[in-house]
Amino acid sequence: MLDLSGKVALVTGASRGIGRAVALRLARCGAKVAISDRRTAAEAEAHLASQGLLVRTVTNYGLPDHLRITIGLEEHNRAVVDLLADFLKA
C-alpha cells in the first residue's frame, strides 16, 4: 500500500461515489484527509460522539463547519476512517 503519511488531501464530493472511495483510500494510506459534504459539522460531530469518538469544533477560529480530530495510533486512525465512512453512507 502507498505510504502517504505526512501528506494532506482535500477531497470534494466525498459523500458518495468516486469522491468517497478516493477519500477512504487516501486515509487508509495514512494521509490527513479533509472532506467536503453537504451535511454540517454538527451532524458529523453527533454521529462520531454516538460511536464514542470525541472531536473538537473549531468555531472559535471562525470555522463553524469544521471539526478537529487528533489521532495518534494507526489503529485509531483506521477506526476514525470507518466511522466517517458510516456517516457518509447515511
N, C-alpha and C. Protein backbone atom coordinates (compact mmCIF):
# COMPACT_ATOMS: atom_id res chain seq x y z
N MET A 1 0.84 -1.17 0.00
CA MET A 1 0.00 0.00 0.00
C MET A 1 0.89 1.24 0.00
N LEU A 2 0.49 2.25 -0.71
CA LEU A 2 1.21 3.51 -0.81
C LEU A 2 1.24 4.21 0.54
N ASP A 3 2.39 4.72 0.98
CA ASP A 3 2.51 5.43 2.25
C ASP A 3 2.36 6.92 2.01
N LEU A 4 1.27 7.48 2.50
CA LEU A 4 1.02 8.92 2.36
C LEU A 4 1.12 9.65 3.70
N SER A 5 1.81 9.05 4.65
CA SER A 5 2.00 9.68 5.95
C SER A 5 2.61 11.07 5.77
N GLY A 6 2.08 12.04 6.50
CA GLY A 6 2.59 13.40 6.41
C GLY A 6 2.01 14.21 5.26
N LYS A 7 1.18 13.61 4.44
CA LYS A 7 0.54 14.31 3.32
C LYS A 7 -0.87 14.73 3.71
N VAL A 8 -1.36 15.78 3.09
CA VAL A 8 -2.71 16.28 3.35
C VAL A 8 -3.47 16.31 2.02
N ALA A 9 -4.73 15.86 2.06
CA ALA A 9 -5.55 15.85 0.85
C ALA A 9 -6.90 16.48 1.14
N LEU A 10 -7.42 17.24 0.19
CA LEU A 10 -8.77 17.80 0.26
C LEU A 10 -9.58 17.10 -0.82
N VAL A 11 -10.65 16.44 -0.41
CA VAL A 11 -11.49 15.70 -1.36
C VAL A 11 -12.88 16.31 -1.35
N THR A 12 -13.29 16.86 -2.47
CA THR A 12 -14.66 17.37 -2.59
C THR A 12 -15.54 16.26 -3.16
N GLY A 13 -16.82 16.34 -2.90
CA GLY A 13 -17.73 15.31 -3.37
C GLY A 13 -17.49 13.99 -2.66
N ALA A 14 -17.06 14.05 -1.41
CA ALA A 14 -16.67 12.85 -0.68
C ALA A 14 -17.84 12.11 -0.04
N SER A 15 -19.06 12.55 -0.26
CA SER A 15 -20.19 11.89 0.38
C SER A 15 -20.65 10.64 -0.35
N ARG A 16 -20.19 10.46 -1.60
CA ARG A 16 -20.62 9.27 -2.33
C ARG A 16 -19.71 9.03 -3.54
N GLY A 17 -19.87 7.86 -4.10
CA GLY A 17 -19.21 7.53 -5.37
C GLY A 17 -17.70 7.59 -5.33
N ILE A 18 -17.15 8.12 -6.41
CA ILE A 18 -15.70 8.16 -6.58
C ILE A 18 -15.03 9.02 -5.51
N GLY A 19 -15.63 10.16 -5.18
CA GLY A 19 -15.05 11.03 -4.15
C GLY A 19 -14.92 10.32 -2.82
N ARG A 20 -15.94 9.57 -2.45
CA ARG A 20 -15.91 8.81 -1.19
C ARG A 20 -14.82 7.76 -1.23
N ALA A 21 -14.74 7.02 -2.32
CA ALA A 21 -13.72 5.98 -2.46
C ALA A 21 -12.32 6.56 -2.39
N VAL A 22 -12.12 7.71 -3.03
CA VAL A 22 -10.81 8.36 -3.02
C VAL A 22 -10.45 8.80 -1.60
N ALA A 23 -11.39 9.43 -0.89
CA ALA A 23 -11.13 9.90 0.47
C ALA A 23 -10.77 8.74 1.39
N LEU A 24 -11.51 7.65 1.29
CA LEU A 24 -11.23 6.49 2.14
C LEU A 24 -9.87 5.88 1.82
N ARG A 25 -9.54 5.77 0.55
CA ARG A 25 -8.25 5.19 0.18
C ARG A 25 -7.10 6.06 0.65
N LEU A 26 -7.21 7.37 0.48
CA LEU A 26 -6.16 8.28 0.94
C LEU A 26 -5.95 8.17 2.44
N ALA A 27 -7.06 8.11 3.19
CA ALA A 27 -6.96 8.00 4.64
C ALA A 27 -6.33 6.66 5.05
N ARG A 28 -6.71 5.60 4.38
CA ARG A 28 -6.14 4.29 4.71
C ARG A 28 -4.65 4.22 4.37
N CYS A 29 -4.21 5.07 3.47
CA CYS A 29 -2.79 5.13 3.12
C CYS A 29 -2.01 6.08 4.04
N GLY A 30 -2.70 6.66 5.02
CA GLY A 30 -2.02 7.49 6.01
C GLY A 30 -2.12 8.98 5.82
N ALA A 31 -2.77 9.45 4.78
CA ALA A 31 -2.89 10.90 4.55
C ALA A 31 -3.89 11.50 5.52
N LYS A 32 -3.69 12.76 5.84
CA LYS A 32 -4.69 13.52 6.57
C LYS A 32 -5.67 14.00 5.50
N VAL A 33 -6.94 13.68 5.65
CA VAL A 33 -7.92 13.95 4.61
C VAL A 33 -8.98 14.91 5.11
N ALA A 34 -9.17 15.99 4.38
CA ALA A 34 -10.27 16.91 4.63
C ALA A 34 -11.32 16.61 3.57
N ILE A 35 -12.56 16.41 4.03
CA ILE A 35 -13.62 16.06 3.09
C ILE A 35 -14.68 17.15 3.05
N SER A 36 -15.35 17.23 1.95
CA SER A 36 -16.45 18.17 1.78
C SER A 36 -17.73 17.36 1.62
N ASP A 37 -18.75 17.75 2.38
CA ASP A 37 -20.02 17.05 2.35
C ASP A 37 -21.13 18.07 2.56
N ARG A 38 -22.33 17.73 2.17
CA ARG A 38 -23.44 18.68 2.30
C ARG A 38 -23.97 18.81 3.72
N ARG A 39 -23.70 17.82 4.54
CA ARG A 39 -24.17 17.89 5.92
C ARG A 39 -23.26 18.78 6.75
N THR A 40 -23.70 19.11 7.96
CA THR A 40 -22.95 20.05 8.78
C THR A 40 -21.96 19.35 9.69
N ALA A 41 -21.03 20.14 10.21
CA ALA A 41 -20.07 19.62 11.17
C ALA A 41 -20.79 19.14 12.42
N ALA A 42 -21.85 19.82 12.81
CA ALA A 42 -22.61 19.41 13.99
C ALA A 42 -23.19 18.01 13.81
N GLU A 43 -23.67 17.70 12.61
CA GLU A 43 -24.21 16.36 12.34
C GLU A 43 -23.11 15.31 12.41
N ALA A 44 -21.95 15.63 11.84
CA ALA A 44 -20.83 14.69 11.89
C ALA A 44 -20.36 14.50 13.33
N GLU A 45 -20.28 15.59 14.08
CA GLU A 45 -19.86 15.50 15.48
C GLU A 45 -20.82 14.62 16.28
N ALA A 46 -22.13 14.79 16.07
CA ALA A 46 -23.12 13.98 16.78
C ALA A 46 -22.97 12.50 16.44
N HIS A 47 -22.74 12.20 15.17
CA HIS A 47 -22.57 10.80 14.76
C HIS A 47 -21.32 10.21 15.40
N LEU A 48 -20.20 10.92 15.33
CA LEU A 48 -18.96 10.42 15.90
C LEU A 48 -19.08 10.25 17.41
N ALA A 49 -19.71 11.21 18.09
CA ALA A 49 -19.90 11.11 19.54
C ALA A 49 -20.77 9.91 19.90
N SER A 50 -21.79 9.63 19.08
CA SER A 50 -22.65 8.48 19.36
C SER A 50 -21.90 7.16 19.26
N GLN A 51 -20.76 7.19 18.58
CA GLN A 51 -19.92 6.00 18.43
C GLN A 51 -18.73 6.02 19.39
N GLY A 52 -18.71 7.00 20.30
CA GLY A 52 -17.67 7.06 21.31
C GLY A 52 -16.44 7.86 20.94
N LEU A 53 -16.45 8.56 19.82
CA LEU A 53 -15.30 9.36 19.40
C LEU A 53 -15.59 10.83 19.68
N LEU A 54 -14.78 11.43 20.50
CA LEU A 54 -14.96 12.84 20.82
C LEU A 54 -14.06 13.68 19.91
N VAL A 55 -14.64 14.72 19.34
CA VAL A 55 -13.91 15.62 18.45
C VAL A 55 -14.11 17.04 18.95
N ARG A 56 -13.35 17.94 18.43
CA ARG A 56 -13.46 19.35 18.82
C ARG A 56 -13.99 20.17 17.66
N THR A 57 -14.91 21.05 17.98
CA THR A 57 -15.33 22.02 16.96
C THR A 57 -14.29 23.14 16.95
N VAL A 58 -14.21 23.85 15.85
CA VAL A 58 -13.26 24.95 15.75
C VAL A 58 -13.99 26.25 15.41
N THR A 59 -15.19 26.40 15.96
CA THR A 59 -15.97 27.60 15.69
C THR A 59 -15.27 28.85 16.23
N ASN A 60 -14.48 28.70 17.30
CA ASN A 60 -13.76 29.85 17.86
C ASN A 60 -12.71 30.39 16.90
N TYR A 61 -12.34 29.59 15.91
CA TYR A 61 -11.37 30.01 14.91
C TYR A 61 -12.04 30.52 13.64
N GLY A 62 -13.35 30.72 13.73
CA GLY A 62 -14.08 31.20 12.56
C GLY A 62 -14.39 30.12 11.55
N LEU A 63 -14.39 28.87 11.98
CA LEU A 63 -14.65 27.74 11.09
C LEU A 63 -15.84 26.94 11.64
N PRO A 64 -17.04 27.47 11.50
CA PRO A 64 -18.21 26.83 12.12
C PRO A 64 -18.56 25.47 11.53
N ASP A 65 -18.16 25.16 10.34
CA ASP A 65 -18.49 23.88 9.72
C ASP A 65 -17.30 22.95 9.61
N HIS A 66 -16.42 23.03 10.60
CA HIS A 66 -15.23 22.19 10.60
C HIS A 66 -15.08 21.51 11.96
N LEU A 67 -14.41 20.35 11.96
CA LEU A 67 -14.11 19.63 13.18
C LEU A 67 -12.62 19.35 13.23
N ARG A 68 -12.11 19.24 14.44
CA ARG A 68 -10.69 18.87 14.62
C ARG A 68 -10.66 17.49 15.26
N ILE A 69 -9.93 16.60 14.64
CA ILE A 69 -9.78 15.25 15.15
C ILE A 69 -8.29 14.98 15.27
N THR A 70 -7.85 14.63 16.47
CA THR A 70 -6.45 14.31 16.69
C THR A 70 -6.35 12.81 16.91
N ILE A 71 -5.51 12.17 16.12
CA ILE A 71 -5.37 10.72 16.16
C ILE A 71 -3.90 10.38 16.33
N GLY A 72 -3.62 9.46 17.25
CA GLY A 72 -2.23 9.10 17.50
C GLY A 72 -1.80 7.81 16.84
N LEU A 73 -2.52 6.75 17.08
CA LEU A 73 -2.11 5.44 16.60
C LEU A 73 -2.80 5.06 15.30
N GLU A 74 -2.15 4.23 14.50
CA GLU A 74 -2.72 3.81 13.22
C GLU A 74 -4.07 3.13 13.41
N GLU A 75 -4.20 2.30 14.43
CA GLU A 75 -5.48 1.61 14.65
C GLU A 75 -6.60 2.60 14.95
N HIS A 76 -6.27 3.68 15.63
CA HIS A 76 -7.26 4.72 15.92
C HIS A 76 -7.62 5.47 14.64
N ASN A 77 -6.62 5.72 13.80
CA ASN A 77 -6.86 6.37 12.53
C ASN A 77 -7.83 5.55 11.68
N ARG A 78 -7.60 4.25 11.62
CA ARG A 78 -8.49 3.37 10.85
C ARG A 78 -9.90 3.37 11.42
N ALA A 79 -10.03 3.42 12.75
CA ALA A 79 -11.36 3.46 13.38
C ALA A 79 -12.09 4.74 12.99
N VAL A 80 -11.38 5.86 12.95
CA VAL A 80 -12.00 7.14 12.56
C VAL A 80 -12.43 7.08 11.09
N VAL A 81 -11.59 6.52 10.24
CA VAL A 81 -11.95 6.39 8.82
C VAL A 81 -13.23 5.58 8.69
N ASP A 82 -13.31 4.48 9.42
CA ASP A 82 -14.51 3.63 9.34
C ASP A 82 -15.75 4.36 9.85
N LEU A 83 -15.61 5.11 10.95
CA LEU A 83 -16.76 5.87 11.48
C LEU A 83 -17.21 6.95 10.52
N LEU A 84 -16.25 7.64 9.90
CA LEU A 84 -16.62 8.68 8.93
C LEU A 84 -17.26 8.05 7.69
N ALA A 85 -16.79 6.88 7.31
CA ALA A 85 -17.40 6.18 6.17
C ALA A 85 -18.85 5.85 6.49
N ASP A 86 -19.13 5.40 7.72
CA ASP A 86 -20.51 5.13 8.12
C ASP A 86 -21.36 6.40 8.06
N PHE A 87 -20.78 7.51 8.52
CA PHE A 87 -21.50 8.78 8.50
C PHE A 87 -21.83 9.19 7.07
N LEU A 88 -20.89 9.03 6.17
CA LEU A 88 -21.10 9.43 4.79
C LEU A 88 -22.12 8.55 4.08
N LYS A 89 -22.28 7.32 4.53
CA LYS A 89 -23.27 6.42 3.94
C LYS A 89 -24.70 6.85 4.25
N ALA A 90 -24.87 7.47 5.41
CA ALA A 90 -26.22 7.83 5.87
C ALA A 90 -26.86 8.89 5.00
